[in-house]
Each structure stands twice: as structure tokens, then as C-alpha cells.
């Protein structure tokens, strides 16, 4: 019973961290979209943030976090009828149908526009949730998917020291962004909006995750067999 609870705990932690990585990327993409559209008028979190274009680094940091956190969820848990990638695709499709039926937002604007509508944001949430399930269970989708993942892991193994260095750099970059946003919010109370609070929260989790991966030397501990 204890082992089962521990397995479920690891699985839920893995899913939560994957979801956070996706949400952080979405936040960064939305900010970059607004930043470039309003140039040169929108000064992001200044004077603390050097340049708003640096948010591209947050996208990289989020992507590089995903592979190590998926390894946390590689545990044996009871399956209810199907692999959970099936539920992921179902949630994705239902969320997209929901948005098409009940909203008029263009698909390309879903993750690039600053939208506060509850209905649209609910759809966004379930789209990211569906993607989380698919990413976590990617190797089980098909033999081709498993082969592609094995190929990627083999290439990562050969450059594992480089990825460890990049992980360290991204950890400090994430910390820098978190501090910039947090300090800016303390100095600009009018900027304490739900979007900024969510951004600060996702950056905090991204930072903690990156430092956790770095200290545990996840990239260096990859072996040819596991790769």
C-alpha cells in the first residue's frame, strides 16, 4: 500500500511539473507576442528585466525541464481501461470542440493573446492538461513514438555534460526572471493581476525544478541502457 501511494505520488508530481512547464511556456509566448506587437512602448518589468526578448530563455528553460521530470513518472501504477495518453487525446479534442462551439477566438490566438475570459481560459487549461497526459505517456503511443524517444535519449546521452551545463544556466536564468517579476510586483501594486501572479508562480516552480534536476545530476546519470 505504501509503495502504491508512493508510485501515485511520483506520477502526480511528474504530471504537475510537466503541466507547469507547458503553462510557463504559454505565459512566455503570450508575453513575447504582446511585447513584439507593442514595440517600442511596452517595457517589461523594468528596470529589473534587461530586455523583454529574454523571455525566449524561459521557453528554453521550460522545454529542457520536461525530459527529466517525465522520468519521475516512470512508475508502475494501475491502469483504468486505457493508457492515459488516450485520456489525454480525449481531453484535447473535447477542449478544442468546446472552444470552437462556445467561443469565437481564433485558434492561433489561443496561446498568444492576452485573454481574461473565463470560458476561454478553461479551454486553455484542459488543452494543457491533455497535452500533459500525452507527453507523460508518449512512449506508449506507438512503437514509432517509442523508437523516436529512444533515438533522442541516445543523442542526449552523448551530450549529457552539455545538457547538465545548460540545465545549470537555465536554473539561474529562471531564478533571475522570478526575482525580476516578484520585485517588480512589490514596487507596482497595480500590476498585481492574476496573470502576473500565475507567471510568478510558474517561474518559481520552474526555478525549483531546474535546481532540483541540476543537484540530482539527472542528465549526468543517464546511462546507455536507459537512453
Protein backbone atom coordinates (compact mmCIF):
# COMPACT_ATOMS: atom_id res chain seq x y z
CA UNK A 1 0.00 0.00 0.00
CA UNK A 2 2.84 2.37 0.87
CA UNK A 3 4.63 1.57 -2.39
CA UNK A 4 1.44 2.15 -4.35
CA UNK A 5 0.88 5.51 -2.66
CA UNK A 6 4.50 6.45 -3.38
CA UNK A 7 4.08 5.47 -7.04
CA UNK A 8 0.93 7.58 -7.38
CA UNK A 9 2.70 10.45 -5.64
CA UNK A 10 5.56 10.34 -8.13
CA UNK A 11 3.12 10.13 -11.03
CA UNK A 12 1.09 13.15 -9.88
CA UNK A 13 4.31 15.11 -9.22
CA UNK A 14 5.54 14.32 -12.71
CA UNK A 15 2.24 15.39 -14.28
CA UNK A 16 2.16 18.61 -12.21
CA UNK A 17 5.70 19.56 -13.24
CA UNK A 18 5.03 18.82 -16.92
CA UNK A 19 1.87 20.94 -16.73
CA UNK A 20 3.84 23.75 -15.09
CA UNK A 21 6.43 23.63 -17.87
CA UNK A 22 3.71 23.90 -20.51
CA UNK A 23 1.98 26.72 -18.62
CA UNK A 24 5.26 28.60 -18.24
CA UNK A 25 5.85 28.31 -21.99
CA UNK A 26 2.35 29.58 -22.72
CA UNK A 27 2.86 32.56 -20.39
CA UNK A 28 6.18 33.37 -22.06
CA UNK A 29 4.72 33.06 -25.57
CA UNK A 30 1.82 35.35 -24.67
CA UNK A 31 4.18 37.94 -23.18
CA UNK A 32 6.53 37.82 -26.17
CA UNK A 33 3.58 38.21 -28.56
CA UNK A 34 2.41 41.35 -26.74
CA UNK A 35 5.97 42.61 -26.35
CA UNK A 36 6.76 42.47 -30.07
CA UNK A 37 3.34 43.81 -31.06
CA UNK A 38 3.72 46.89 -28.85
CA UNK A 39 7.34 47.72 -29.58
CA UNK A 40 8.87 50.05 -28.52
CA UNK A 41 6.23 51.13 -25.99
CA UNK A 42 5.87 48.15 -23.62
CA UNK A 43 8.77 47.97 -21.19
CA UNK A 44 8.56 44.60 -19.45
CA UNK A 45 9.23 44.56 -15.71
CA UNK A 46 11.76 47.36 -15.92
CA UNK A 47 14.19 48.39 -14.54
CA UNK A 48 14.74 44.85 -13.26
CA UNK A 49 14.44 42.92 -16.53
CA UNK A 50 17.16 43.86 -19.02
CA UNK A 51 15.16 43.07 -22.16
CA UNK A 52 11.71 41.57 -22.71
CA UNK A 53 13.05 39.46 -25.59
CA UNK A 54 14.92 37.41 -22.98
CA UNK A 55 11.62 35.61 -22.29
CA UNK A 56 12.72 33.26 -25.07
CA UNK A 57 15.12 31.83 -22.49
CA UNK A 58 12.16 30.89 -20.28
CA UNK A 59 10.70 28.84 -23.14
CA UNK A 60 14.04 27.01 -23.44
CA UNK A 61 14.20 26.50 -19.66
CA UNK A 62 10.70 25.03 -19.65
CA UNK A 63 11.44 22.68 -22.54
CA UNK A 64 14.67 21.40 -21.01
CA UNK A 65 12.85 20.67 -17.74
CA UNK A 66 10.31 18.37 -19.38
CA UNK A 67 12.51 15.33 -20.14
CA UNK A 68 13.94 14.95 -16.61
CA UNK A 69 10.55 15.39 -14.90
CA UNK A 70 8.96 12.72 -17.11
CA UNK A 71 11.44 10.24 -15.62
CA UNK A 72 9.86 10.85 -12.20
CA UNK A 73 6.59 9.44 -13.50
CA UNK A 74 8.13 6.25 -14.89
CA UNK A 75 6.45 4.10 -12.23
CA UNK A 76 4.05 1.16 -12.30
CA UNK A 77 0.53 2.27 -11.42
CA UNK A 78 -2.80 0.53 -12.05
CA UNK A 79 -4.35 1.48 -15.39
CA UNK A 80 -8.06 2.21 -15.71
CA UNK A 81 -9.10 0.66 -19.05
CA UNK A 82 -6.67 2.61 -21.26
CA UNK A 83 -3.22 4.17 -21.28
CA UNK A 84 -3.57 7.72 -20.03
CA UNK A 85 -2.38 9.16 -23.38
CA UNK A 86 -5.82 8.05 -24.64
CA UNK A 87 -7.48 10.21 -21.99
CA UNK A 88 -5.08 12.99 -22.95
CA UNK A 89 -6.21 12.93 -26.59
CA UNK A 90 -9.87 12.78 -25.49
CA UNK A 91 -9.44 15.82 -23.24
CA UNK A 92 -7.60 17.68 -26.03
CA UNK A 93 -10.33 17.00 -28.59
CA UNK A 94 -13.18 17.86 -26.21
CA UNK A 95 -11.45 21.10 -25.15
CA UNK A 96 -10.93 22.16 -28.77
CA UNK A 97 -14.55 21.34 -29.68
CA UNK A 98 -15.73 23.25 -26.60
CA UNK A 99 -13.75 26.34 -27.63
CA UNK A 100 -14.98 26.17 -31.25
CA UNK A 101 -18.62 25.84 -30.17
CA UNK A 102 -18.79 28.29 -27.28
CA UNK A 103 -16.20 30.91 -28.24
CA UNK A 104 -15.12 32.78 -31.33
CA UNK A 105 -11.43 33.13 -30.54
CA UNK A 106 -9.15 32.18 -33.48
CA UNK A 107 -7.14 29.03 -32.83
CA UNK A 108 -3.79 30.78 -33.39
CA UNK A 109 -4.71 33.37 -30.75
CA UNK A 110 -5.44 30.82 -28.04
CA UNK A 111 -1.95 30.99 -26.57
CA UNK A 112 -0.67 34.27 -27.97
CA UNK A 113 -3.39 36.75 -27.00
CA UNK A 114 -3.93 38.23 -23.52
CA UNK A 115 -7.41 36.84 -22.81
CA UNK A 116 -9.17 37.09 -19.45
CA UNK A 117 -12.41 35.35 -20.48
CA UNK A 118 -13.12 32.50 -18.04
CA UNK A 119 -14.59 30.23 -20.72
CA UNK A 120 -11.55 30.53 -22.98
CA UNK A 121 -9.11 30.10 -20.12
CA UNK A 122 -10.97 26.98 -19.01
CA UNK A 123 -10.49 25.58 -22.51
CA UNK A 124 -6.80 26.50 -22.38
CA UNK A 125 -6.45 24.71 -19.05
CA UNK A 126 -7.88 21.45 -20.40
CA UNK A 127 -5.80 21.67 -23.59
CA UNK A 128 -2.65 21.89 -21.49
CA UNK A 129 -3.95 19.10 -19.25
CA UNK A 130 -4.50 16.85 -22.26
CA UNK A 131 -1.03 17.63 -23.62
CA UNK A 132 0.43 16.82 -20.21
CA UNK A 133 -1.09 13.32 -20.26
CA UNK A 134 0.10 12.73 -23.83
CA UNK A 135 3.67 13.89 -23.12
CA UNK A 136 3.92 11.81 -19.95
CA UNK A 137 2.78 8.67 -21.76
CA UNK A 138 4.44 9.42 -25.12
CA UNK A 139 6.48 6.17 -25.38
CA UNK A 140 3.29 4.08 -25.14
CA UNK A 141 1.52 5.81 -28.04
CA UNK A 142 3.13 3.59 -30.66
CA UNK A 143 6.31 1.68 -31.49
CA UNK A 144 7.36 4.56 -33.72
CA UNK A 145 6.94 7.04 -30.86
CA UNK A 146 8.99 4.79 -28.57
CA UNK A 147 11.70 4.47 -31.25
CA UNK A 148 11.87 8.25 -31.71
CA UNK A 149 12.14 8.79 -27.96
CA UNK A 150 14.90 6.17 -27.68
CA UNK A 151 16.77 7.84 -30.52
CA UNK A 152 16.52 11.23 -28.83
CA UNK A 153 17.66 9.77 -25.50
CA UNK A 154 20.68 8.17 -27.18
CA UNK A 155 21.71 11.53 -28.64
CA UNK A 156 21.16 13.20 -25.26
CA UNK A 157 23.42 10.60 -23.62
CA UNK A 158 26.30 11.54 -25.91
CA UNK A 159 25.89 15.22 -24.93
CA UNK A 160 24.85 14.73 -21.32
CA UNK A 161 27.58 17.00 -19.90
CA UNK A 162 26.49 19.81 -22.21
CA UNK A 163 22.87 19.37 -21.10
CA UNK A 164 23.97 19.48 -17.46
CA UNK A 165 25.69 22.83 -18.12
CA UNK A 166 22.64 24.17 -19.97
CA UNK A 167 20.42 22.98 -17.11
CA UNK A 168 22.52 24.97 -14.64
CA UNK A 169 22.40 28.07 -16.82
CA UNK A 170 18.62 27.79 -17.22
CA UNK A 171 18.18 27.34 -13.47
CA UNK A 172 19.86 30.68 -12.79
CA UNK A 173 18.02 32.33 -15.70
CA UNK A 174 14.68 31.15 -14.27
CA UNK A 175 15.66 32.46 -10.83
CA UNK A 176 16.58 35.82 -12.38
CA UNK A 177 13.19 36.08 -14.10
CA UNK A 178 11.33 35.07 -10.95
CA UNK A 179 13.14 37.76 -8.94
CA UNK A 180 12.55 40.39 -11.64
CA UNK A 181 8.81 39.73 -11.77
CA UNK A 182 8.45 39.40 -7.98
CA UNK A 183 10.36 42.57 -7.13
CA UNK A 184 8.54 44.49 -9.87
CA UNK A 185 5.19 43.40 -8.41
CA UNK A 186 6.20 44.66 -4.94
CA UNK A 187 7.03 48.04 -6.45
CA UNK A 188 4.00 48.23 -8.75
CA UNK A 189 0.83 47.19 -6.85
CA UNK A 190 -1.32 48.00 -9.89
CA UNK A 191 0.48 45.19 -11.71
CA UNK A 192 -0.63 42.54 -9.24
CA UNK A 193 -3.04 40.84 -11.62
CA UNK A 194 -4.00 37.17 -11.85
CA UNK A 195 -1.83 36.79 -14.95
CA UNK A 196 1.26 38.20 -13.22
CA UNK A 197 0.67 36.14 -10.09
CA UNK A 198 0.37 32.97 -12.19
CA UNK A 199 3.54 33.95 -14.08
CA UNK A 200 5.47 34.45 -10.85
CA UNK A 201 4.17 31.12 -9.51
CA UNK A 202 5.12 29.17 -12.63
CA UNK A 203 8.57 30.79 -12.67
CA UNK A 204 9.09 29.80 -9.03
CA UNK A 205 8.18 26.16 -9.75
CA UNK A 206 10.32 26.20 -12.91
CA UNK A 207 13.27 27.52 -10.90
CA UNK A 208 12.91 24.96 -8.11
CA UNK A 209 12.51 22.15 -10.67
CA UNK A 210 15.60 23.26 -12.61
CA UNK A 211 17.78 23.42 -9.49
CA UNK A 212 16.40 20.05 -8.36
CA UNK A 213 17.34 18.46 -11.69
CA UNK A 214 20.76 20.14 -11.51
CA UNK A 215 21.60 18.96 -7.98
CA UNK A 216 20.37 15.42 -8.64
CA UNK A 217 22.56 15.35 -11.80
CA UNK A 218 19.75 13.78 -13.80
CA UNK A 219 21.46 14.45 -17.14
CA UNK A 220 24.80 13.01 -15.98
CA UNK A 221 23.10 9.91 -14.56
CA UNK A 222 21.67 8.90 -17.93
CA UNK A 223 23.10 5.53 -18.98
CA UNK A 224 23.26 3.94 -22.45
CA UNK A 225 20.79 1.27 -21.32
CA UNK A 226 18.24 3.84 -20.11
CA UNK A 227 18.94 6.08 -23.05
